[in-house]
Amino acid sequence: RIYQMTRSSVDIVDNRVVVSGGQVPQAVAQVQARIQWRGTVMLYDGSEMDAWAYACAVECTWGKPDMQVVPDREPDLAAVRRVLCLAKTPGGAFSPEAVAAADASSDGLPGLAAQ
């Protein structure tokens, strides 16, 4: 079913779900919804992002919001902080440096949201 919707293949290898080809961001969101997954997304360069940061990065790269890539679960506090920090750096959202800076941020959520 995921392949029919996204033209992406989904394979389980060891303790990983590997998504490739087609519309990968939409397929990642579909996998999360079907298997109740709350893991990380490993990018081609080996860096990792949580599902919410990945959705934000995809939307920043595309330059528009897309409900098809948004996870179907509420984000935790760390994910909210990461998304707000990444949203401030469009285009750089996929870089490991931007993710590390978001994780290291100590700014309060109200201040981040206002920026």
N, C-alpha and C. Protein backbone atom coordinates (compact mmCIF):
# COMPACT_ATOMS: atom_id res chain seq x y z
N ARG A 1 0.82 -1.20 0.00
CA ARG A 1 0.00 0.00 0.00
C ARG A 1 0.86 1.27 0.00
N ILE A 2 1.93 1.28 0.81
CA ILE A 2 2.80 2.46 0.84
C ILE A 2 3.45 2.67 -0.52
N TYR A 3 3.86 1.56 -1.16
CA TYR A 3 4.47 1.68 -2.49
C TYR A 3 3.48 2.28 -3.49
N GLN A 4 2.24 1.85 -3.43
CA GLN A 4 1.23 2.37 -4.35
C GLN A 4 1.01 3.86 -4.16
N MET A 5 1.09 4.33 -2.92
CA MET A 5 0.85 5.75 -2.63
C MET A 5 2.05 6.63 -2.91
N THR A 6 3.27 6.08 -2.73
CA THR A 6 4.46 6.93 -2.77
C THR A 6 5.54 6.49 -3.76
N ARG A 7 5.40 5.31 -4.32
CA ARG A 7 6.42 4.73 -5.20
C ARG A 7 7.75 4.57 -4.46
N SER A 8 7.67 4.35 -3.15
CA SER A 8 8.85 4.11 -2.31
C SER A 8 8.79 2.69 -1.78
N SER A 9 9.94 2.04 -1.73
CA SER A 9 9.97 0.69 -1.15
C SER A 9 10.27 0.79 0.34
N VAL A 10 9.71 -0.14 1.09
CA VAL A 10 9.91 -0.20 2.53
C VAL A 10 10.40 -1.60 2.86
N ASP A 11 11.59 -1.69 3.44
CA ASP A 11 12.18 -2.98 3.81
C ASP A 11 12.59 -2.95 5.27
N ILE A 12 12.46 -4.08 5.94
CA ILE A 12 12.94 -4.20 7.31
C ILE A 12 14.26 -4.95 7.28
N VAL A 13 15.30 -4.30 7.79
CA VAL A 13 16.64 -4.87 7.81
C VAL A 13 17.16 -4.75 9.24
N ASP A 14 17.37 -5.90 9.89
CA ASP A 14 17.80 -5.92 11.30
C ASP A 14 16.80 -5.11 12.14
N ASN A 15 17.28 -4.04 12.79
CA ASN A 15 16.40 -3.23 13.62
C ASN A 15 16.03 -1.91 12.94
N ARG A 16 16.09 -1.89 11.62
CA ARG A 16 15.82 -0.67 10.86
C ARG A 16 14.70 -0.89 9.85
N VAL A 17 14.01 0.20 9.57
CA VAL A 17 13.05 0.23 8.47
C VAL A 17 13.70 1.11 7.41
N VAL A 18 13.97 0.54 6.24
CA VAL A 18 14.66 1.26 5.18
C VAL A 18 13.64 1.69 4.13
N VAL A 19 13.58 3.00 3.89
CA VAL A 19 12.66 3.56 2.89
C VAL A 19 13.50 4.16 1.78
N SER A 20 13.21 3.78 0.54
CA SER A 20 14.01 4.32 -0.57
C SER A 20 13.16 4.51 -1.81
N GLY A 21 13.64 5.41 -2.69
CA GLY A 21 12.98 5.67 -3.97
C GLY A 21 11.74 6.52 -3.82
N GLY A 22 11.20 6.94 -4.93
CA GLY A 22 9.91 7.64 -4.93
C GLY A 22 9.84 8.85 -4.01
N GLN A 23 8.74 8.95 -3.29
CA GLN A 23 8.48 10.07 -2.40
C GLN A 23 8.81 9.65 -0.96
N VAL A 24 10.09 9.67 -0.64
CA VAL A 24 10.57 9.18 0.65
C VAL A 24 9.92 9.89 1.84
N PRO A 25 9.85 11.23 1.87
CA PRO A 25 9.24 11.88 3.05
C PRO A 25 7.81 11.41 3.33
N GLN A 26 7.00 11.29 2.28
CA GLN A 26 5.63 10.82 2.48
C GLN A 26 5.61 9.36 2.95
N ALA A 27 6.53 8.56 2.41
CA ALA A 27 6.60 7.15 2.81
C ALA A 27 7.03 7.02 4.27
N VAL A 28 7.96 7.86 4.72
CA VAL A 28 8.39 7.84 6.12
C VAL A 28 7.19 8.13 7.03
N ALA A 29 6.40 9.13 6.68
CA ALA A 29 5.21 9.45 7.49
C ALA A 29 4.21 8.30 7.48
N GLN A 30 4.04 7.64 6.34
CA GLN A 30 3.12 6.51 6.26
C GLN A 30 3.60 5.33 7.11
N VAL A 31 4.91 5.07 7.09
CA VAL A 31 5.46 3.99 7.91
C VAL A 31 5.22 4.29 9.39
N GLN A 32 5.48 5.53 9.80
CA GLN A 32 5.28 5.89 11.19
C GLN A 32 3.84 5.66 11.63
N ALA A 33 2.90 6.02 10.78
CA ALA A 33 1.49 5.87 11.13
C ALA A 33 1.09 4.41 11.24
N ARG A 34 1.65 3.56 10.40
CA ARG A 34 1.23 2.16 10.38
C ARG A 34 1.88 1.29 11.45
N ILE A 35 3.10 1.58 11.81
CA ILE A 35 3.76 0.70 12.78
C ILE A 35 3.96 1.37 14.14
N GLN A 36 3.33 2.53 14.35
CA GLN A 36 3.43 3.23 15.63
C GLN A 36 4.88 3.43 16.02
N TRP A 37 5.66 3.92 15.08
CA TRP A 37 7.09 4.07 15.23
C TRP A 37 7.43 5.43 15.82
N ARG A 38 8.37 5.47 16.74
CA ARG A 38 8.82 6.72 17.31
C ARG A 38 10.35 6.71 17.37
N GLY A 39 10.95 6.42 16.25
CA GLY A 39 12.41 6.34 16.18
C GLY A 39 12.99 7.57 15.51
N THR A 40 14.16 7.40 14.94
CA THR A 40 14.82 8.48 14.23
C THR A 40 14.90 8.14 12.74
N VAL A 41 15.08 9.17 11.95
CA VAL A 41 15.26 9.01 10.51
C VAL A 41 16.74 9.18 10.22
N MET A 42 17.37 8.17 9.61
CA MET A 42 18.77 8.28 9.26
C MET A 42 18.85 8.77 7.81
N LEU A 43 19.56 9.86 7.62
CA LEU A 43 19.70 10.46 6.30
C LEU A 43 20.82 9.77 5.53
N TYR A 44 20.92 10.09 4.26
CA TYR A 44 21.93 9.46 3.41
C TYR A 44 23.35 9.67 3.90
N ASP A 45 23.60 10.81 4.58
CA ASP A 45 24.95 11.08 5.07
C ASP A 45 25.25 10.43 6.42
N GLY A 46 24.28 9.67 6.95
CA GLY A 46 24.47 8.98 8.23
C GLY A 46 23.98 9.75 9.43
N SER A 47 23.65 11.03 9.26
CA SER A 47 23.11 11.80 10.39
C SER A 47 21.67 11.36 10.67
N GLU A 48 21.21 11.64 11.88
CA GLU A 48 19.88 11.21 12.29
C GLU A 48 19.04 12.39 12.76
N MET A 49 17.73 12.29 12.54
CA MET A 49 16.78 13.30 13.00
C MET A 49 15.55 12.59 13.54
N ASP A 50 14.87 13.23 14.51
CA ASP A 50 13.61 12.66 14.94
C ASP A 50 12.57 12.95 13.85
N ALA A 51 11.43 12.31 13.92
CA ALA A 51 10.43 12.41 12.85
C ALA A 51 9.92 13.83 12.66
N TRP A 52 9.75 14.58 13.76
CA TRP A 52 9.25 15.95 13.63
C TRP A 52 10.29 16.87 12.98
N ALA A 53 11.55 16.74 13.37
CA ALA A 53 12.60 17.55 12.76
C ALA A 53 12.74 17.20 11.28
N TYR A 54 12.61 15.92 10.96
CA TYR A 54 12.69 15.49 9.56
C TYR A 54 11.56 16.13 8.75
N ALA A 55 10.35 16.12 9.28
CA ALA A 55 9.22 16.74 8.57
C ALA A 55 9.46 18.23 8.36
N CYS A 56 9.98 18.90 9.39
CA CYS A 56 10.28 20.33 9.28
C CYS A 56 11.34 20.58 8.22
N ALA A 57 12.38 19.76 8.23
CA ALA A 57 13.46 19.92 7.26
C ALA A 57 12.96 19.71 5.84
N VAL A 58 12.11 18.71 5.64
CA VAL A 58 11.54 18.46 4.31
C VAL A 58 10.73 19.66 3.87
N GLU A 59 9.88 20.18 4.76
CA GLU A 59 9.06 21.34 4.39
C GLU A 59 9.92 22.57 4.10
N CYS A 60 11.00 22.77 4.87
CA CYS A 60 11.89 23.90 4.61
C CYS A 60 12.56 23.74 3.25
N THR A 61 12.97 22.52 2.93
CA THR A 61 13.61 22.26 1.64
C THR A 61 12.63 22.49 0.49
N TRP A 62 11.40 22.05 0.68
CA TRP A 62 10.38 22.22 -0.36
C TRP A 62 9.86 23.64 -0.44
N GLY A 63 10.03 24.41 0.65
CA GLY A 63 9.55 25.79 0.67
C GLY A 63 8.06 25.93 0.90
N LYS A 64 7.42 24.87 1.40
CA LYS A 64 5.98 24.93 1.67
C LYS A 64 5.60 23.82 2.64
N PRO A 65 4.53 24.04 3.39
CA PRO A 65 4.07 22.98 4.30
C PRO A 65 3.44 21.83 3.53
N ASP A 66 3.49 20.64 4.11
CA ASP A 66 2.89 19.46 3.48
C ASP A 66 2.43 18.51 4.58
N MET A 67 1.14 18.40 4.77
CA MET A 67 0.59 17.55 5.83
C MET A 67 0.92 16.07 5.64
N GLN A 68 1.32 15.68 4.44
CA GLN A 68 1.64 14.28 4.19
C GLN A 68 2.94 13.84 4.86
N VAL A 69 3.78 14.77 5.27
CA VAL A 69 5.05 14.39 5.89
C VAL A 69 5.05 14.58 7.41
N VAL A 70 3.97 15.12 7.95
CA VAL A 70 3.90 15.39 9.39
C VAL A 70 3.56 14.11 10.15
N PRO A 71 4.31 13.81 11.21
CA PRO A 71 4.01 12.61 12.01
C PRO A 71 2.61 12.67 12.61
N ASP A 72 2.05 11.51 12.89
CA ASP A 72 0.69 11.46 13.42
C ASP A 72 0.65 11.43 14.95
N ARG A 73 1.76 11.74 15.61
CA ARG A 73 1.82 11.77 17.07
C ARG A 73 2.25 13.15 17.56
N GLU A 74 1.83 13.44 18.79
CA GLU A 74 2.24 14.70 19.40
C GLU A 74 3.76 14.71 19.62
N PRO A 75 4.42 15.82 19.38
CA PRO A 75 5.86 15.88 19.64
C PRO A 75 6.13 16.05 21.13
N ASP A 76 7.28 15.57 21.59
CA ASP A 76 7.67 15.82 22.97
C ASP A 76 8.38 17.19 23.03
N LEU A 77 8.76 17.62 24.22
CA LEU A 77 9.37 18.94 24.40
C LEU A 77 10.64 19.11 23.57
N ALA A 78 11.48 18.08 23.54
CA ALA A 78 12.73 18.17 22.76
C ALA A 78 12.43 18.33 21.28
N ALA A 79 11.42 17.63 20.77
CA ALA A 79 11.07 17.75 19.35
C ALA A 79 10.52 19.13 19.04
N VAL A 80 9.73 19.71 19.94
CA VAL A 80 9.21 21.06 19.73
C VAL A 80 10.35 22.06 19.65
N ARG A 81 11.29 21.96 20.60
CA ARG A 81 12.45 22.86 20.60
C ARG A 81 13.25 22.72 19.30
N ARG A 82 13.48 21.48 18.87
CA ARG A 82 14.26 21.22 17.66
C ARG A 82 13.56 21.81 16.43
N VAL A 83 12.25 21.61 16.31
CA VAL A 83 11.51 22.12 15.16
C VAL A 83 11.54 23.64 15.14
N LEU A 84 11.35 24.28 16.29
CA LEU A 84 11.38 25.75 16.32
C LEU A 84 12.76 26.27 15.94
N CYS A 85 13.81 25.62 16.42
CA CYS A 85 15.18 26.04 16.06
C CYS A 85 15.45 25.82 14.57
N LEU A 86 15.05 24.67 14.05
CA LEU A 86 15.29 24.38 12.64
C LEU A 86 14.48 25.29 11.73
N ALA A 87 13.30 25.68 12.17
CA ALA A 87 12.47 26.58 11.36
C ALA A 87 13.12 27.94 11.18
N LYS A 88 14.02 28.31 12.09
CA LYS A 88 14.73 29.58 11.97
C LYS A 88 15.84 29.53 10.93
N THR A 89 16.24 28.33 10.51
CA THR A 89 17.35 28.20 9.56
C THR A 89 16.91 27.47 8.31
N PRO A 90 15.97 28.05 7.53
CA PRO A 90 15.52 27.37 6.31
C PRO A 90 16.69 27.06 5.39
N GLY A 91 16.64 25.91 4.76
CA GLY A 91 17.70 25.51 3.85
C GLY A 91 18.84 24.81 4.57
N GLY A 92 19.10 25.16 5.81
CA GLY A 92 20.16 24.52 6.58
C GLY A 92 19.62 23.43 7.48
N ALA A 93 18.32 23.17 7.37
CA ALA A 93 17.67 22.26 8.31
C ALA A 93 18.20 20.84 8.21
N PHE A 94 18.70 20.42 7.06
CA PHE A 94 19.20 19.06 6.93
C PHE A 94 20.65 18.91 7.39
N SER A 95 21.32 20.01 7.70
CA SER A 95 22.72 19.89 8.08
C SER A 95 22.87 19.37 9.50
N PRO A 96 23.84 18.50 9.74
CA PRO A 96 24.08 18.01 11.10
C PRO A 96 24.38 19.16 12.08
N GLU A 97 25.01 20.23 11.58
CA GLU A 97 25.33 21.36 12.44
C GLU A 97 24.06 22.04 12.95
N ALA A 98 23.06 22.20 12.06
CA ALA A 98 21.80 22.84 12.46
C ALA A 98 21.07 21.99 13.49
N VAL A 99 21.09 20.69 13.32
CA VAL A 99 20.44 19.79 14.28
C VAL A 99 21.17 19.85 15.62
N ALA A 100 22.51 19.84 15.60
CA ALA A 100 23.28 19.91 16.84
C ALA A 100 23.04 21.24 17.55
N ALA A 101 22.96 22.34 16.80
CA ALA A 101 22.70 23.65 17.40
C ALA A 101 21.30 23.68 18.02
N ALA A 102 20.34 23.05 17.36
CA ALA A 102 18.98 22.99 17.91
C ALA A 102 18.96 22.19 19.20
N ASP A 103 19.69 21.08 19.23
CA ASP A 103 19.75 20.26 20.44
C ASP A 103 20.43 20.98 21.59
N ALA A 104 21.41 21.83 21.27
CA ALA A 104 22.16 22.54 22.30
C ALA A 104 21.47 23.84 22.75
N SER A 105 20.43 24.25 22.07
CA SER A 105 19.76 25.50 22.37
C SER A 105 19.15 25.48 23.77
N SER A 106 19.31 26.59 24.48
CA SER A 106 18.70 26.70 25.80
C SER A 106 17.66 27.81 25.82
N ASP A 107 17.31 28.33 24.64
CA ASP A 107 16.30 29.37 24.55
C ASP A 107 14.95 28.81 25.01
N GLY A 108 14.17 29.64 25.66
CA GLY A 108 12.85 29.23 26.09
C GLY A 108 11.91 29.07 24.90
N LEU A 109 10.93 28.20 25.04
CA LEU A 109 10.00 27.98 23.93
C LEU A 109 9.25 29.23 23.51
N PRO A 110 8.77 30.08 24.45
CA PRO A 110 8.07 31.30 24.01
C PRO A 110 8.96 32.21 23.16
N GLY A 111 10.23 32.33 23.55
CA GLY A 111 11.17 33.16 22.76
C GLY A 111 11.43 32.57 21.39
N LEU A 112 11.59 31.25 21.32
CA LEU A 112 11.81 30.59 20.03
C LEU A 112 10.60 30.75 19.12
N ALA A 113 9.42 30.59 19.69
CA ALA A 113 8.19 30.68 18.90
C ALA A 113 7.97 32.08 18.37
N ALA A 114 8.44 33.09 19.12
CA ALA A 114 8.24 34.48 18.71
C ALA A 114 9.20 34.90 17.60
N GLN A 115 10.30 34.14 17.42
CA GLN A 115 11.30 34.54 16.42
C GLN A 115 10.85 34.24 15.07
